[in-house]
Amino acid sequence: KGRFIKDYEQAALAFLGLHRPNDLCSYLKV
């Protein structure tokens, strides 16, 4: 329960949502 699982789930979904090279740049902040 709580923030711990939600934080990891959000990090997972952010990675799964990558489509384009510029998405990857934004995700990695590079």
Full PDB file with SEQRES, HELIX, SHEET, SSBOND, CRYST1, ORIGX, SCALE, CONECT and MASTER records, all heavy atoms in Angstrom:
SEQRES   1 A   30  LYS GLY ARG PHE ILE LYS ASP TYR GLU GLN ALA ALA LEU          
SEQRES   2 A   30  ALA PHE LEU GLY LEU HIS ARG PRO ASN ASP LEU CYS SER          
SEQRES   3 A   30  TYR LEU LYS VAL                                              
HELIX    1 AA1 ARG A    3  LEU A   16  1                                  14    
HELIX    2 AA2 PRO A   21  LEU A   28  1                                   8    
CRYST1    1.000    1.000    1.000  90.00  90.00  90.00 P 1           1          
ORIGX1      1.000000  0.000000  0.000000        0.00000                         
ORIGX2      0.000000  1.000000  0.000000        0.00000                         
ORIGX3      0.000000  0.000000  1.000000        0.00000                         
SCALE1      1.000000  0.000000  0.000000        0.00000                         
SCALE2      0.000000  1.000000  0.000000        0.00000                         
SCALE3      0.000000  0.000000  1.000000        0.00000                         
ATOM      1  N   LYS A   1       0.834  -1.200   0.000  1.00  0.00           N  
ATOM      2  CA  LYS A   1       0.000   0.000   0.000  1.00  0.00           C  
ATOM      3  C   LYS A   1       0.865   1.245   0.000  1.00  0.00           C  
ATOM      4  O   LYS A   1       2.049   1.222   0.302  1.00  0.00           O  
ATOM      5  CB  LYS A   1      -0.908  -0.001   1.250  1.00  0.00           C  
ATOM      6  CG  LYS A   1      -1.769  -1.248   1.383  1.00  0.00           C  
ATOM      7  CD  LYS A   1      -2.801  -1.358   0.278  1.00  0.00           C  
ATOM      8  CE  LYS A   1      -3.706  -2.563   0.500  1.00  0.00           C  
ATOM      9  NZ  LYS A   1      -4.682  -2.711  -0.578  1.00  0.00           N  
ATOM     10  N   GLY A   2       0.251   2.368  -0.312  1.00  0.00           N  
ATOM     11  CA  GLY A   2       0.885   3.651  -0.110  1.00  0.00           C  
ATOM     12  C   GLY A   2       1.809   4.089  -1.224  1.00  0.00           C  
ATOM     13  O   GLY A   2       1.807   3.559  -2.328  1.00  0.00           O  
ATOM     14  N   ARG A   3       2.626   5.063  -0.872  1.00  0.00           N  
ATOM     15  CA  ARG A   3       3.431   5.768  -1.851  1.00  0.00           C  
ATOM     16  C   ARG A   3       4.503   4.888  -2.480  1.00  0.00           C  
ATOM     17  O   ARG A   3       4.857   5.061  -3.651  1.00  0.00           O  
ATOM     18  CB  ARG A   3       4.072   6.979  -1.178  1.00  0.00           C  
ATOM     19  CG  ARG A   3       4.806   7.888  -2.139  1.00  0.00           C  
ATOM     20  CD  ARG A   3       5.331   9.119  -1.425  1.00  0.00           C  
ATOM     21  NE  ARG A   3       5.991  10.007  -2.358  1.00  0.00           N  
ATOM     22  CZ  ARG A   3       5.381  10.886  -3.126  1.00  0.00           C  
ATOM     23  NH1 ARG A   3       4.061  10.970  -3.068  1.00  0.00           N  
ATOM     24  NH2 ARG A   3       6.044  11.656  -3.952  1.00  0.00           N  
ATOM     25  N   PHE A   4       5.038   3.939  -1.719  1.00  0.00           N  
ATOM     26  CA  PHE A   4       6.155   3.131  -2.216  1.00  0.00           C  
ATOM     27  C   PHE A   4       5.796   2.409  -3.502  1.00  0.00           C  
ATOM     28  O   PHE A   4       6.450   2.555  -4.530  1.00  0.00           O  
ATOM     29  CB  PHE A   4       6.582   2.132  -1.138  1.00  0.00           C  
ATOM     30  CG  PHE A   4       7.548   1.094  -1.634  1.00  0.00           C  
ATOM     31  CD1 PHE A   4       8.813   1.464  -2.045  1.00  0.00           C  
ATOM     32  CD2 PHE A   4       7.183  -0.235  -1.708  1.00  0.00           C  
ATOM     33  CE1 PHE A   4       9.709   0.526  -2.506  1.00  0.00           C  
ATOM     34  CE2 PHE A   4       8.061  -1.175  -2.172  1.00  0.00           C  
ATOM     35  CZ  PHE A   4       9.335  -0.804  -2.564  1.00  0.00           C  
ATOM     36  N   ILE A   5       4.715   1.629  -3.479  1.00  0.00           N  
ATOM     37  CA  ILE A   5       4.298   0.893  -4.671  1.00  0.00           C  
ATOM     38  C   ILE A   5       3.909   1.864  -5.776  1.00  0.00           C  
ATOM     39  O   ILE A   5       4.252   1.663  -6.947  1.00  0.00           O  
ATOM     40  CB  ILE A   5       3.129  -0.055  -4.340  1.00  0.00           C  
ATOM     41  CG1 ILE A   5       3.636  -1.234  -3.511  1.00  0.00           C  
ATOM     42  CG2 ILE A   5       2.450  -0.552  -5.604  1.00  0.00           C  
ATOM     43  CD1 ILE A   5       4.543  -2.178  -4.264  1.00  0.00           C  
ATOM     44  N   LYS A   6       3.211   2.941  -5.411  1.00  0.00           N  
ATOM     45  CA  LYS A   6       2.751   3.899  -6.422  1.00  0.00           C  
ATOM     46  C   LYS A   6       3.927   4.552  -7.134  1.00  0.00           C  
ATOM     47  O   LYS A   6       3.901   4.748  -8.351  1.00  0.00           O  
ATOM     48  CB  LYS A   6       1.857   4.958  -5.770  1.00  0.00           C  
ATOM     49  CG  LYS A   6       1.227   5.919  -6.767  1.00  0.00           C  
ATOM     50  CD  LYS A   6       0.150   6.763  -6.096  1.00  0.00           C  
ATOM     51  CE  LYS A   6      -1.067   5.920  -5.746  1.00  0.00           C  
ATOM     52  NZ  LYS A   6      -2.192   6.740  -5.259  1.00  0.00           N  
ATOM     53  N   ASP A   7       5.000   4.882  -6.399  1.00  0.00           N  
ATOM     54  CA  ASP A   7       6.175   5.497  -7.015  1.00  0.00           C  
ATOM     55  C   ASP A   7       6.804   4.573  -8.049  1.00  0.00           C  
ATOM     56  O   ASP A   7       7.174   5.004  -9.143  1.00  0.00           O  
ATOM     57  CB  ASP A   7       7.206   5.861  -5.951  1.00  0.00           C  
ATOM     58  CG  ASP A   7       6.793   7.087  -5.149  1.00  0.00           C  
ATOM     59  OD1 ASP A   7       5.825   7.759  -5.553  1.00  0.00           O  
ATOM     60  OD2 ASP A   7       7.440   7.358  -4.120  1.00  0.00           O  
ATOM     61  N   TYR A   8       6.934   3.316  -7.698  1.00  0.00           N  
ATOM     62  CA  TYR A   8       7.533   2.365  -8.634  1.00  0.00           C  
ATOM     63  C   TYR A   8       6.612   2.088  -9.814  1.00  0.00           C  
ATOM     64  O   TYR A   8       7.072   1.900 -10.941  1.00  0.00           O  
ATOM     65  CB  TYR A   8       7.905   1.060  -7.923  1.00  0.00           C  
ATOM     66  CG  TYR A   8       9.293   1.112  -7.335  1.00  0.00           C  
ATOM     67  CD1 TYR A   8       9.501   1.513  -6.015  1.00  0.00           C  
ATOM     68  CD2 TYR A   8      10.405   0.791  -8.104  1.00  0.00           C  
ATOM     69  CE1 TYR A   8      10.774   1.577  -5.483  1.00  0.00           C  
ATOM     70  CE2 TYR A   8      11.683   0.851  -7.578  1.00  0.00           C  
ATOM     71  CZ  TYR A   8      11.862   1.245  -6.271  1.00  0.00           C  
ATOM     72  OH  TYR A   8      13.130   1.316  -5.744  1.00  0.00           O  
ATOM     73  N   GLU A   9       5.319   2.051  -9.553  1.00  0.00           N  
ATOM     74  CA  GLU A   9       4.382   1.835 -10.650  1.00  0.00           C  
ATOM     75  C   GLU A   9       4.427   3.015 -11.623  1.00  0.00           C  
ATOM     76  O   GLU A   9       4.422   2.827 -12.842  1.00  0.00           O  
ATOM     77  CB  GLU A   9       2.961   1.657 -10.111  1.00  0.00           C  
ATOM     78  CG  GLU A   9       1.948   1.357 -11.202  1.00  0.00           C  
ATOM     79  CD  GLU A   9       0.572   1.073 -10.656  1.00  0.00           C  
ATOM     80  OE1 GLU A   9       0.390   1.192  -9.429  1.00  0.00           O  
ATOM     81  OE2 GLU A   9      -0.310   0.734 -11.441  1.00  0.00           O  
ATOM     82  N   GLN A  10       4.500   4.231 -11.099  1.00  0.00           N  
ATOM     83  CA  GLN A  10       4.582   5.408 -11.967  1.00  0.00           C  
ATOM     84  C   GLN A  10       5.875   5.412 -12.778  1.00  0.00           C  
ATOM     85  O   GLN A  10       5.878   5.761 -13.964  1.00  0.00           O  
ATOM     86  CB  GLN A  10       4.469   6.678 -11.122  1.00  0.00           C  
ATOM     87  CG  GLN A  10       3.072   6.916 -10.561  1.00  0.00           C  
ATOM     88  CD  GLN A  10       3.014   8.101  -9.616  1.00  0.00           C  
ATOM     89  OE1 GLN A  10       4.048   8.643  -9.210  1.00  0.00           O  
ATOM     90  NE2 GLN A  10       1.801   8.503  -9.235  1.00  0.00           N  
ATOM     91  N   ALA A  11       6.990   5.010 -12.144  1.00  0.00           N  
ATOM     92  CA  ALA A  11       8.266   4.925 -12.864  1.00  0.00           C  
ATOM     93  C   ALA A  11       8.188   3.881 -13.972  1.00  0.00           C  
ATOM     94  O   ALA A  11       8.708   4.081 -15.073  1.00  0.00           O  
ATOM     95  CB  ALA A  11       9.396   4.588 -11.892  1.00  0.00           C  
ATOM     96  N   ALA A  12       7.507   2.764 -13.685  1.00  0.00           N  
ATOM     97  CA  ALA A  12       7.350   1.710 -14.685  1.00  0.00           C  
ATOM     98  C   ALA A  12       6.525   2.193 -15.864  1.00  0.00           C  
ATOM     99  O   ALA A  12       6.893   1.989 -17.032  1.00  0.00           O  
ATOM    100  CB  ALA A  12       6.696   0.483 -14.044  1.00  0.00           C  
ATOM    101  N   LEU A  13       5.406   2.845 -15.582  1.00  0.00           N  
ATOM    102  CA  LEU A  13       4.525   3.299 -16.653  1.00  0.00           C  
ATOM    103  C   LEU A  13       5.167   4.413 -17.482  1.00  0.00           C  
ATOM    104  O   LEU A  13       4.917   4.515 -18.688  1.00  0.00           O  
ATOM    105  CB  LEU A  13       3.194   3.769 -16.063  1.00  0.00           C  
ATOM    106  CG  LEU A  13       2.351   2.664 -15.418  1.00  0.00           C  
ATOM    107  CD1 LEU A  13       1.101   3.234 -14.792  1.00  0.00           C  
ATOM    108  CD2 LEU A  13       1.998   1.589 -16.433  1.00  0.00           C  
ATOM    109  N   ALA A  14       6.011   5.235 -16.855  1.00  0.00           N  
ATOM    110  CA  ALA A  14       6.721   6.273 -17.611  1.00  0.00           C  
ATOM    111  C   ALA A  14       7.651   5.642 -18.642  1.00  0.00           C  
ATOM    112  O   ALA A  14       7.760   6.109 -19.781  1.00  0.00           O  
ATOM    113  CB  ALA A  14       7.517   7.166 -16.660  1.00  0.00           C  
ATOM    114  N   PHE A  15       8.305   4.559 -18.255  1.00  0.00           N  
ATOM    115  CA  PHE A  15       9.214   3.864 -19.172  1.00  0.00           C  
ATOM    116  C   PHE A  15       8.430   3.156 -20.274  1.00  0.00           C  
ATOM    117  O   PHE A  15       8.817   3.187 -21.453  1.00  0.00           O  
ATOM    118  CB  PHE A  15      10.054   2.860 -18.389  1.00  0.00           C  
ATOM    119  CG  PHE A  15      11.175   2.241 -19.175  1.00  0.00           C  
ATOM    120  CD1 PHE A  15      12.309   2.968 -19.475  1.00  0.00           C  
ATOM    121  CD2 PHE A  15      11.096   0.931 -19.599  1.00  0.00           C  
ATOM    122  CE1 PHE A  15      13.353   2.399 -20.191  1.00  0.00           C  
ATOM    123  CE2 PHE A  15      12.132   0.346 -20.318  1.00  0.00           C  
ATOM    124  CZ  PHE A  15      13.270   1.087 -20.613  1.00  0.00           C  
ATOM    125  N   LEU A  16       7.323   2.533 -19.904  1.00  0.00           N  
ATOM    126  CA  LEU A  16       6.508   1.828 -20.891  1.00  0.00           C  
ATOM    127  C   LEU A  16       5.855   2.790 -21.877  1.00  0.00           C  
ATOM    128  O   LEU A  16       5.431   2.384 -22.957  1.00  0.00           O  
ATOM    129  CB  LEU A  16       5.424   1.000 -20.192  1.00  0.00           C  
ATOM    130  CG  LEU A  16       5.917  -0.200 -19.374  1.00  0.00           C  
ATOM    131  CD1 LEU A  16       4.775  -0.790 -18.552  1.00  0.00           C  
ATOM    132  CD2 LEU A  16       6.530  -1.259 -20.269  1.00  0.00           C  
ATOM    133  N   GLY A  17       5.774   4.064 -21.529  1.00  0.00           N  
ATOM    134  CA  GLY A  17       5.133   5.039 -22.395  1.00  0.00           C  
ATOM    135  C   GLY A  17       6.058   5.693 -23.403  1.00  0.00           C  
ATOM    136  O   GLY A  17       5.649   6.627 -24.094  1.00  0.00           O  
ATOM    137  N   LEU A  18       7.311   5.214 -23.502  1.00  0.00           N  
ATOM    138  CA  LEU A  18       8.250   5.803 -24.456  1.00  0.00           C  
ATOM    139  C   LEU A  18       7.924   5.349 -25.875  1.00  0.00           C  
ATOM    140  O   LEU A  18       7.744   4.156 -26.128  1.00  0.00           O  
ATOM    141  CB  LEU A  18       9.691   5.403 -24.103  1.00  0.00           C  
ATOM    142  CG  LEU A  18      10.200   5.824 -22.721  1.00  0.00           C  
ATOM    143  CD1 LEU A  18      11.600   5.283 -22.488  1.00  0.00           C  
ATOM    144  CD2 LEU A  18      10.184   7.337 -22.575  1.00  0.00           C  
ATOM    145  N   HIS A  19       7.859   6.305 -26.809  1.00  0.00           N  
ATOM    146  CA  HIS A  19       7.554   5.988 -28.203  1.00  0.00           C  
ATOM    147  C   HIS A  19       8.632   6.480 -29.162  1.00  0.00           C  
ATOM    148  O   HIS A  19       9.029   5.768 -30.069  1.00  0.00           O  
ATOM    149  CB  HIS A  19       6.220   6.623 -28.610  1.00  0.00           C  
ATOM    150  CG  HIS A  19       5.086   6.251 -27.717  1.00  0.00           C  
ATOM    151  ND1 HIS A  19       4.731   4.953 -27.461  1.00  0.00           N  
ATOM    152  CD2 HIS A  19       4.221   7.021 -27.000  1.00  0.00           C  
ATOM    153  CE1 HIS A  19       3.695   4.935 -26.645  1.00  0.00           C  
ATOM    154  NE2 HIS A  19       3.363   6.179 -26.345  1.00  0.00           N  
ATOM    155  N   ARG A  20       9.073   7.719 -28.970  1.00  0.00           N  
ATOM    156  CA  ARG A  20       9.972   8.366 -29.913  1.00  0.00           C  
ATOM    157  C   ARG A  20      11.319   8.635 -29.238  1.00  0.00           C  
ATOM    158  O   ARG A  20      11.405   8.665 -28.004  1.00  0.00           O  
ATOM    159  CB  ARG A  20       9.392   9.697 -30.398  1.00  0.00           C  
ATOM    160  CG  ARG A  20       7.976   9.611 -30.949  1.00  0.00           C  
ATOM    161  CD  ARG A  20       7.464  11.006 -31.265  1.00  0.00           C  
ATOM    162  NE  ARG A  20       6.114  11.006 -31.794  1.00  0.00           N  
ATOM    163  CZ  ARG A  20       5.015  11.013 -31.047  1.00  0.00           C  
ATOM    164  NH1 ARG A  20       5.120  11.035 -29.727  1.00  0.00           N  
ATOM    165  NH2 ARG A  20       3.811  11.005 -31.609  1.00  0.00           N  
ATOM    166  N   PRO A  21      12.358   8.892 -30.033  1.00  0.00           N  
ATOM    167  CA  PRO A  21      13.647   9.256 -29.428  1.00  0.00           C  
ATOM    168  C   PRO A  21      13.564  10.476 -28.515  1.00  0.00           C  
ATOM    169  O   PRO A  21      14.242  10.521 -27.487  1.00  0.00           O  
ATOM    170  CB  PRO A  21      14.530   9.528 -30.646  1.00  0.00           C  
ATOM    171  CG  PRO A  21      13.960   8.660 -31.714  1.00  0.00           C  
ATOM    172  CD  PRO A  21      12.472   8.680 -31.483  1.00  0.00           C  
ATOM    173  N   ASN A  22      12.737  11.472 -28.878  1.00  0.00           N  
ATOM    174  CA  ASN A  22      12.644  12.638 -27.999  1.00  0.00           C  
ATOM    175  C   ASN A  22      11.924  12.306 -26.690  1.00  0.00           C  
ATOM    176  O   ASN A  22      12.138  12.954 -25.668  1.00  0.00           O  
ATOM    177  CB  ASN A  22      11.976  13.827 -28.705  1.00  0.00           C  
ATOM    178  CG  ASN A  22      10.593  13.488 -29.214  1.00  0.00           C  
ATOM    179  OD1 ASN A  22      10.345  12.370 -29.659  1.00  0.00           O  
ATOM    180  ND2 ASN A  22       9.688  14.456 -29.173  1.00  0.00           N  
ATOM    181  N   ASP A  23      11.051  11.272 -26.697  1.00  0.00           N  
ATOM    182  CA  ASP A  23      10.462  10.784 -25.441  1.00  0.00           C  
ATOM    183  C   ASP A  23      11.555  10.245 -24.530  1.00  0.00           C  
ATOM    184  O   ASP A  23      11.552  10.474 -23.316  1.00  0.00           O  
ATOM    185  CB  ASP A  23       9.446   9.666 -25.717  1.00  0.00           C  
ATOM    186  CG  ASP A  23       8.219  10.150 -26.440  1.00  0.00           C  
ATOM    187  OD1 ASP A  23       7.937  11.364 -26.390  1.00  0.00           O  
ATOM    188  OD2 ASP A  23       7.528   9.324 -27.064  1.00  0.00           O  
ATOM    189  N   LEU A  24      12.491   9.505 -25.133  1.00  0.00           N  
ATOM    190  CA  LEU A  24      13.595   8.933 -24.369  1.00  0.00           C  
ATOM    191  C   LEU A  24      14.473  10.028 -23.781  1.00  0.00           C  
ATOM    192  O   LEU A  24      14.900   9.943 -22.625  1.00  0.00           O  
ATOM    193  CB  LEU A  24      14.423   8.006 -25.268  1.00  0.00           C  
ATOM    194  CG  LEU A  24      15.534   7.182 -24.608  1.00  0.00           C  
ATOM    195  CD1 LEU A  24      14.970   6.279 -23.521  1.00  0.00           C  
ATOM    196  CD2 LEU A  24      16.277   6.355 -25.657  1.00  0.00           C  
ATOM    197  N   CYS A  25      14.726  11.076 -24.545  1.00  0.00           N  
ATOM    198  CA  CYS A  25      15.517  12.202 -24.047  1.00  0.00           C  
ATOM    199  C   CYS A  25      14.825  12.891 -22.871  1.00  0.00           C  
ATOM    200  O   CYS A  25      15.461  13.213 -21.864  1.00  0.00           O  
ATOM    201  CB  CYS A  25      15.755  13.217 -25.164  1.00  0.00           C  
ATOM    202  SG  CYS A  25      16.809  12.612 -26.491  1.00  0.00           S  
ATOM    203  N   SER A  26      13.525  13.115 -23.003  1.00  0.00           N  
ATOM    204  CA  SER A  26      12.769  13.768 -21.929  1.00  0.00           C  
ATOM    205  C   SER A  26      12.747  12.898 -20.677  1.00  0.00           C  
ATOM    206  O   SER A  26      12.905  13.396 -19.551  1.00  0.00           O  
ATOM    207  CB  SER A  26      11.341  14.055 -22.402  1.00  0.00           C  
ATOM    208  OG  SER A  26      11.340  14.954 -23.488  1.00  0.00           O  
ATOM    209  N   TYR A  27      12.548  11.612 -20.869  1.00  0.00           N  
ATOM    210  CA  TYR A  27      12.502  10.677 -19.742  1.00  0.00           C  
ATOM    211  C   TYR A  27      13.838  10.643 -18.995  1.00  0.00           C  
ATOM    212  O   TYR A  27      13.881  10.666 -17.757  1.00  0.00           O  
ATOM    213  CB  TYR A  27      12.135   9.286 -20.256  1.00  0.00           C  
ATOM    214  CG  TYR A  27      12.411   8.156 -19.301  1.00  0.00           C  
ATOM    215  CD1 TYR A  27      11.567   7.883 -18.224  1.00  0.00           C  
ATOM    216  CD2 TYR A  27      13.535   7.341 -19.482  1.00  0.00           C  
ATOM    217  CE1 TYR A  27      11.836   6.838 -17.351  1.00  0.00           C  
ATOM    218  CE2 TYR A  27      13.797   6.296 -18.621  1.00  0.00           C  
ATOM    219  CZ  TYR A  27      12.951   6.047 -17.552  1.00  0.00           C  
ATOM    220  OH  TYR A  27      13.228   5.018 -16.700  1.00  0.00           O  
ATOM    221  N   LEU A  28      14.941  10.619 -19.749  1.00  0.00           N  
ATOM    222  CA  LEU A  28      16.266  10.531 -19.150  1.00  0.00           C  
ATOM    223  C   LEU A  28      16.826  11.897 -18.768  1.00  0.00           C  
ATOM    224  O   LEU A  28      17.868  11.969 -18.113  1.00  0.00           O  
ATOM    225  CB  LEU A  28      17.231   9.840 -20.114  1.00  0.00           C  
ATOM    226  CG  LEU A  28      16.930   8.370 -20.428  1.00  0.00           C  
ATOM    227  CD1 LEU A  28      17.860   7.860 -21.517  1.00  0.00           C  
ATOM    228  CD2 LEU A  28      17.047   7.513 -19.176  1.00  0.00           C  
ATOM    229  N   LYS A  29      16.140  12.993 -19.214  1.00  0.00           N  
ATOM    230  CA  LYS A  29      16.618  14.356 -18.963  1.00  0.00           C  
ATOM    231  C   LYS A  29      18.037  14.536 -19.508  1.00  0.00           C  
ATOM    232  O   LYS A  29      18.950  15.021 -18.821  1.00  0.00           O  
ATOM    233  CB  LYS A  29      16.553  14.697 -17.475  1.00  0.00           C  
ATOM    234  CG  LYS A  29      15.149  14.746 -16.919  1.00  0.00           C  
ATOM    235  CD  LYS A  29      15.152  15.114 -15.447  1.00  0.00           C  
ATOM    236  CE  LYS A  29      13.736  15.332 -14.919  1.00  0.00           C  
ATOM    237  NZ  LYS A  29      12.849  14.168 -15.076  1.00  0.00           N  
ATOM    238  N   VAL A  30      18.199  14.139 -20.771  1.00  0.00           N  
ATOM    239  CA  VAL A  30      19.489  14.215 -21.447  1.00  0.00           C  
ATOM    240  C   VAL A  30      19.296  14.890 -22.799  1.00  0.00           C  
ATOM    241  O   VAL A  30      18.312  14.622 -23.494  1.00  0.00           O  
ATOM    242  CB  VAL A  30      20.095  12.804 -21.654  1.00  0.00           C  
ATOM    243  CG1 VAL A  30      21.388  12.882 -22.458  1.00  0.00           C  
ATOM    244  CG2 VAL A  30      20.356  12.137 -20.318  1.00  0.00           C  
TER     245      VAL A  30                                                      
MASTER        0    0    0    2    0    0    0    6  244    1    0    3          
END                                                                             
